[in-house]
Amino acid sequence: STEMKALLLQDKKIQFVESRVDKLENTMTVDYGQQKELERIRKSRAITILGGINSKAYKSVSGKVFRAIGHDYKEYFDINAYNNTPSARYGEAVQYLKNWLPDNNLQIEINRANKAN
């Protein structure tokens, strides 16, 4: 019937729009504000791990820690820059940075630097 054909056509149109929305959601990246927030959380986490901005480790190994957290994050999310974080994974990205820990060798280096006289 004509009604059935119209319903099937409508259903095809809806499926097409839904697939486009899914594709958009999977390819959209974080906006500027979210990117800035991720960078703020990253910096805060690194400083905490180093023992604070006035710690001995901050002075001697902060570069290594910032590189490590950035490297691990980009590897985990399979991206080349923070601004390419998928917006659909923003919440996961926030949790990743808040819970990030350095590998064992870097943690030992931080501890040694903070104990140095």
N, C-alpha and C. Protein backbone atom coordinates (compact mmCIF):
# COMPACT_ATOMS: atom_id res chain seq x y z
N SER A 1 0.84 -1.20 0.00
CA SER A 1 0.00 0.00 0.00
C SER A 1 0.88 1.25 0.00
N THR A 2 0.29 2.36 -0.37
CA THR A 2 0.99 3.64 -0.41
C THR A 2 1.42 4.05 0.99
N GLU A 3 0.55 3.77 1.94
CA GLU A 3 0.86 4.10 3.34
C GLU A 3 2.09 3.33 3.83
N MET A 4 2.14 2.05 3.49
CA MET A 4 3.26 1.20 3.89
C MET A 4 4.56 1.69 3.24
N LYS A 5 4.50 2.05 1.97
CA LYS A 5 5.68 2.57 1.27
C LYS A 5 6.17 3.86 1.93
N ALA A 6 5.23 4.72 2.30
CA ALA A 6 5.58 5.98 2.96
C ALA A 6 6.23 5.71 4.31
N LEU A 7 5.71 4.74 5.05
CA LEU A 7 6.29 4.38 6.36
C LEU A 7 7.70 3.83 6.19
N LEU A 8 7.89 2.96 5.19
CA LEU A 8 9.21 2.39 4.95
C LEU A 8 10.21 3.47 4.54
N LEU A 9 9.76 4.40 3.70
CA LEU A 9 10.62 5.51 3.28
C LEU A 9 10.99 6.37 4.49
N GLN A 10 10.02 6.65 5.34
CA GLN A 10 10.26 7.43 6.56
C GLN A 10 11.26 6.72 7.47
N ASP A 11 11.10 5.41 7.60
CA ASP A 11 12.00 4.62 8.44
C ASP A 11 13.43 4.67 7.88
N LYS A 12 13.58 4.59 6.57
CA LYS A 12 14.91 4.67 5.94
C LYS A 12 15.54 6.03 6.22
N LYS A 13 14.74 7.09 6.13
CA LYS A 13 15.24 8.44 6.40
C LYS A 13 15.71 8.56 7.85
N ILE A 14 14.95 8.02 8.77
CA ILE A 14 15.30 8.07 10.20
C ILE A 14 16.61 7.30 10.44
N GLN A 15 16.72 6.12 9.84
CA GLN A 15 17.95 5.33 10.00
C GLN A 15 19.16 6.08 9.45
N PHE A 16 18.98 6.76 8.32
CA PHE A 16 20.05 7.53 7.71
C PHE A 16 20.50 8.66 8.65
N VAL A 17 19.54 9.40 9.19
CA VAL A 17 19.85 10.50 10.12
C VAL A 17 20.54 9.95 11.37
N GLU A 18 20.04 8.84 11.90
CA GLU A 18 20.66 8.24 13.10
C GLU A 18 22.09 7.83 12.83
N SER A 19 22.36 7.28 11.65
CA SER A 19 23.74 6.87 11.34
C SER A 19 24.64 8.09 11.20
N ARG A 20 24.11 9.19 10.67
CA ARG A 20 24.89 10.42 10.57
C ARG A 20 25.19 11.00 11.94
N VAL A 21 24.21 10.96 12.84
CA VAL A 21 24.40 11.45 14.21
C VAL A 21 25.44 10.59 14.93
N ASP A 22 25.35 9.28 14.78
CA ASP A 22 26.34 8.37 15.38
C ASP A 22 27.74 8.70 14.88
N LYS A 23 27.85 8.91 13.56
CA LYS A 23 29.16 9.23 12.98
C LYS A 23 29.69 10.54 13.55
N LEU A 24 28.82 11.54 13.66
CA LEU A 24 29.23 12.83 14.22
C LEU A 24 29.70 12.68 15.65
N GLU A 25 28.93 11.95 16.46
CA GLU A 25 29.29 11.75 17.87
C GLU A 25 30.64 11.06 18.00
N ASN A 26 30.94 10.16 17.08
CA ASN A 26 32.20 9.42 17.14
C ASN A 26 33.38 10.18 16.57
N THR A 27 33.14 11.24 15.81
CA THR A 27 34.24 11.98 15.22
C THR A 27 34.43 13.37 15.83
N MET A 28 33.44 13.84 16.59
CA MET A 28 33.57 15.16 17.22
C MET A 28 34.65 15.11 18.29
N THR A 29 35.39 16.20 18.39
CA THR A 29 36.44 16.28 19.40
C THR A 29 36.05 17.31 20.46
N VAL A 30 36.77 17.29 21.56
CA VAL A 30 36.47 18.21 22.67
C VAL A 30 36.54 19.65 22.21
N ASP A 31 35.74 20.49 22.83
CA ASP A 31 35.79 21.91 22.48
C ASP A 31 36.92 22.59 23.26
N TYR A 32 37.13 23.86 22.97
CA TYR A 32 38.25 24.60 23.56
C TYR A 32 38.20 24.60 25.09
N GLY A 33 37.03 24.80 25.65
CA GLY A 33 36.88 24.81 27.11
C GLY A 33 37.23 23.47 27.72
N GLN A 34 36.77 22.39 27.10
CA GLN A 34 37.08 21.04 27.59
C GLN A 34 38.58 20.76 27.45
N GLN A 35 39.16 21.21 26.36
CA GLN A 35 40.59 21.03 26.15
C GLN A 35 41.38 21.73 27.25
N LYS A 36 41.01 22.96 27.57
CA LYS A 36 41.67 23.72 28.63
C LYS A 36 41.52 23.02 29.98
N GLU A 37 40.33 22.47 30.24
CA GLU A 37 40.09 21.76 31.49
C GLU A 37 40.96 20.51 31.58
N LEU A 38 41.09 19.78 30.49
CA LEU A 38 41.96 18.59 30.47
C LEU A 38 43.41 18.98 30.76
N GLU A 39 43.85 20.08 30.17
CA GLU A 39 45.22 20.55 30.41
C GLU A 39 45.41 20.98 31.87
N ARG A 40 44.39 21.61 32.45
CA ARG A 40 44.46 22.03 33.85
C ARG A 40 44.55 20.81 34.76
N ILE A 41 43.74 19.79 34.50
CA ILE A 41 43.74 18.57 35.30
C ILE A 41 45.09 17.86 35.16
N ARG A 42 45.62 17.82 33.94
CA ARG A 42 46.92 17.19 33.69
C ARG A 42 48.01 17.87 34.51
N LYS A 43 48.04 19.19 34.47
CA LYS A 43 49.05 19.96 35.19
C LYS A 43 48.92 19.74 36.70
N SER A 44 47.69 19.79 37.19
CA SER A 44 47.42 19.60 38.62
C SER A 44 47.87 18.21 39.07
N ARG A 45 47.57 17.20 38.26
CA ARG A 45 47.94 15.82 38.61
C ARG A 45 49.47 15.67 38.65
N ALA A 46 50.13 16.21 37.66
CA ALA A 46 51.60 16.12 37.60
C ALA A 46 52.23 16.80 38.82
N ILE A 47 51.73 17.98 39.17
CA ILE A 47 52.27 18.72 40.32
C ILE A 47 52.06 17.93 41.61
N THR A 48 50.87 17.33 41.75
CA THR A 48 50.58 16.51 42.94
C THR A 48 51.55 15.34 43.03
N ILE A 49 51.76 14.65 41.93
CA ILE A 49 52.66 13.49 41.90
C ILE A 49 54.10 13.89 42.23
N LEU A 50 54.49 15.08 41.81
CA LEU A 50 55.85 15.56 42.07
C LEU A 50 56.03 16.01 43.53
N GLY A 51 54.95 16.17 44.26
CA GLY A 51 55.04 16.59 45.65
C GLY A 51 54.84 18.09 45.83
N GLY A 52 54.25 18.72 44.82
CA GLY A 52 53.98 20.15 44.91
C GLY A 52 54.94 20.98 44.07
N ILE A 53 54.54 22.20 43.83
CA ILE A 53 55.31 23.10 42.96
C ILE A 53 56.66 23.50 43.58
N ASN A 54 56.76 23.41 44.90
CA ASN A 54 58.01 23.77 45.58
C ASN A 54 58.88 22.57 45.93
N SER A 55 58.49 21.39 45.44
CA SER A 55 59.26 20.18 45.77
C SER A 55 60.57 20.13 44.97
N LYS A 56 61.51 19.35 45.50
CA LYS A 56 62.78 19.15 44.80
C LYS A 56 62.54 18.42 43.47
N ALA A 57 61.61 17.48 43.50
CA ALA A 57 61.31 16.73 42.28
C ALA A 57 60.74 17.65 41.20
N TYR A 58 59.93 18.63 41.61
CA TYR A 58 59.36 19.56 40.63
C TYR A 58 60.48 20.26 39.87
N LYS A 59 61.51 20.67 40.63
CA LYS A 59 62.62 21.39 40.01
C LYS A 59 63.43 20.49 39.07
N SER A 60 63.56 19.20 39.41
CA SER A 60 64.47 18.35 38.63
C SER A 60 63.80 17.39 37.64
N VAL A 61 62.59 16.92 37.93
CA VAL A 61 61.98 15.92 37.03
C VAL A 61 60.60 16.29 36.50
N SER A 62 60.18 17.54 36.68
CA SER A 62 58.85 17.92 36.21
C SER A 62 58.69 17.72 34.70
N GLY A 63 59.73 18.03 33.95
CA GLY A 63 59.67 17.85 32.49
C GLY A 63 59.36 16.41 32.11
N LYS A 64 60.04 15.49 32.79
CA LYS A 64 59.82 14.06 32.53
C LYS A 64 58.39 13.65 32.87
N VAL A 65 57.89 14.16 34.00
CA VAL A 65 56.54 13.79 34.43
C VAL A 65 55.50 14.34 33.45
N PHE A 66 55.66 15.60 33.06
CA PHE A 66 54.71 16.19 32.10
C PHE A 66 54.75 15.45 30.76
N ARG A 67 55.95 15.07 30.31
CA ARG A 67 56.05 14.31 29.06
C ARG A 67 55.40 12.93 29.21
N ALA A 68 55.62 12.28 30.35
CA ALA A 68 55.08 10.93 30.57
C ALA A 68 53.55 10.94 30.60
N ILE A 69 52.97 11.88 31.34
CA ILE A 69 51.51 11.92 31.42
C ILE A 69 50.92 12.23 30.03
N GLY A 70 51.55 13.13 29.30
CA GLY A 70 51.08 13.46 27.95
C GLY A 70 51.21 12.27 27.00
N HIS A 71 52.34 11.60 27.06
CA HIS A 71 52.58 10.43 26.21
C HIS A 71 51.58 9.32 26.51
N ASP A 72 51.40 9.01 27.79
CA ASP A 72 50.47 7.93 28.17
C ASP A 72 49.04 8.25 27.74
N TYR A 73 48.64 9.50 27.95
CA TYR A 73 47.28 9.93 27.60
C TYR A 73 47.05 9.78 26.10
N LYS A 74 47.97 10.29 25.30
CA LYS A 74 47.81 10.23 23.84
C LYS A 74 47.84 8.79 23.35
N GLU A 75 48.67 7.97 23.97
CA GLU A 75 48.73 6.55 23.58
C GLU A 75 47.41 5.86 23.94
N TYR A 76 46.90 6.12 25.14
CA TYR A 76 45.66 5.48 25.59
C TYR A 76 44.48 5.84 24.69
N PHE A 77 44.36 7.11 24.34
CA PHE A 77 43.23 7.58 23.52
C PHE A 77 43.53 7.52 22.01
N ASP A 78 44.75 7.08 21.66
CA ASP A 78 45.17 6.94 20.27
C ASP A 78 44.97 8.23 19.49
N ILE A 79 45.54 9.30 20.04
CA ILE A 79 45.46 10.63 19.42
C ILE A 79 46.85 11.27 19.41
N ASN A 80 47.00 12.36 18.66
CA ASN A 80 48.31 13.03 18.60
C ASN A 80 48.34 14.33 19.37
N ALA A 81 47.18 14.79 19.86
CA ALA A 81 47.11 16.04 20.62
C ALA A 81 45.85 16.05 21.47
N TYR A 82 45.90 16.78 22.58
CA TYR A 82 44.75 16.84 23.50
C TYR A 82 43.47 17.29 22.79
N ASN A 83 43.62 18.23 21.85
CA ASN A 83 42.41 18.75 21.20
C ASN A 83 41.75 17.72 20.29
N ASN A 84 42.40 16.57 20.07
CA ASN A 84 41.78 15.50 19.29
C ASN A 84 41.10 14.44 20.17
N THR A 85 40.98 14.72 21.45
CA THR A 85 40.24 13.81 22.34
C THR A 85 38.79 13.75 21.86
N PRO A 86 38.25 12.55 21.65
CA PRO A 86 36.86 12.46 21.23
C PRO A 86 35.92 13.03 22.30
N SER A 87 35.00 13.88 21.89
CA SER A 87 34.10 14.49 22.88
C SER A 87 33.26 13.43 23.59
N ALA A 88 32.96 12.32 22.91
CA ALA A 88 32.18 11.25 23.53
C ALA A 88 32.95 10.58 24.68
N ARG A 89 34.28 10.79 24.73
CA ARG A 89 35.11 10.17 25.78
C ARG A 89 35.65 11.20 26.77
N TYR A 90 35.05 12.39 26.79
CA TYR A 90 35.53 13.46 27.67
C TYR A 90 35.54 13.04 29.14
N GLY A 91 34.46 12.45 29.62
CA GLY A 91 34.38 12.01 31.02
C GLY A 91 35.47 11.00 31.35
N GLU A 92 35.69 10.08 30.43
CA GLU A 92 36.75 9.08 30.60
C GLU A 92 38.12 9.75 30.63
N ALA A 93 38.29 10.78 29.78
CA ALA A 93 39.56 11.51 29.72
C ALA A 93 39.85 12.22 31.05
N VAL A 94 38.83 12.84 31.62
CA VAL A 94 38.98 13.51 32.92
C VAL A 94 39.42 12.50 33.98
N GLN A 95 38.75 11.36 34.03
CA GLN A 95 39.09 10.33 35.02
C GLN A 95 40.49 9.77 34.79
N TYR A 96 40.85 9.59 33.52
CA TYR A 96 42.18 9.08 33.20
C TYR A 96 43.25 10.00 33.78
N LEU A 97 43.11 11.29 33.55
CA LEU A 97 44.11 12.25 34.03
C LEU A 97 44.11 12.36 35.55
N LYS A 98 42.93 12.34 36.16
CA LYS A 98 42.85 12.46 37.62
C LYS A 98 43.48 11.26 38.33
N ASN A 99 43.49 10.11 37.66
CA ASN A 99 43.98 8.88 38.28
C ASN A 99 45.33 8.41 37.73
N TRP A 100 45.93 9.19 36.84
CA TRP A 100 47.18 8.78 36.21
C TRP A 100 48.29 8.61 37.25
N LEU A 101 49.11 7.59 37.04
CA LEU A 101 50.29 7.35 37.88
C LEU A 101 51.50 7.14 36.99
N PRO A 102 52.67 7.63 37.42
CA PRO A 102 53.89 7.39 36.63
C PRO A 102 54.30 5.93 36.71
N ASP A 103 55.09 5.48 35.75
CA ASP A 103 55.59 4.11 35.84
C ASP A 103 56.56 4.00 37.02
N ASN A 104 56.92 2.80 37.36
CA ASN A 104 57.73 2.54 38.55
C ASN A 104 59.06 3.28 38.54
N ASN A 105 59.77 3.26 37.41
CA ASN A 105 61.08 3.92 37.34
C ASN A 105 60.97 5.42 37.58
N LEU A 106 59.94 6.04 36.99
CA LEU A 106 59.76 7.47 37.17
C LEU A 106 59.36 7.78 38.61
N GLN A 107 58.55 6.93 39.21
CA GLN A 107 58.16 7.14 40.62
C GLN A 107 59.38 7.06 41.53
N ILE A 108 60.28 6.13 41.25
CA ILE A 108 61.52 6.01 42.03
C ILE A 108 62.36 7.28 41.87
N GLU A 109 62.43 7.79 40.65
CA GLU A 109 63.20 9.01 40.38
C GLU A 109 62.61 10.21 41.15
N ILE A 110 61.29 10.30 41.18
CA ILE A 110 60.60 11.37 41.93
C ILE A 110 60.92 11.25 43.42
N ASN A 111 60.80 10.02 43.94
CA ASN A 111 61.07 9.81 45.38
C ASN A 111 62.52 10.16 45.74
N ARG A 112 63.45 9.75 44.89
CA ARG A 112 64.86 10.05 45.14
C ARG A 112 65.11 11.56 45.11
N ALA A 113 64.51 12.22 44.15
CA ALA A 113 64.71 13.68 44.02
C ALA A 113 64.18 14.39 45.25
N ASN A 114 63.04 13.96 45.74
CA ASN A 114 62.44 14.61 46.91
C ASN A 114 63.20 14.31 48.21
N LYS A 115 63.94 13.20 48.23
CA LYS A 115 64.73 12.86 49.43
C LYS A 115 66.13 13.45 49.40
N ALA A 116 66.54 13.91 48.23
CA ALA A 116 67.90 14.45 48.08
C ALA A 116 68.10 15.69 48.95
N ASN A 117 69.33 15.85 49.44
CA ASN A 117 69.64 17.04 50.29
C ASN A 117 70.19 18.16 49.46
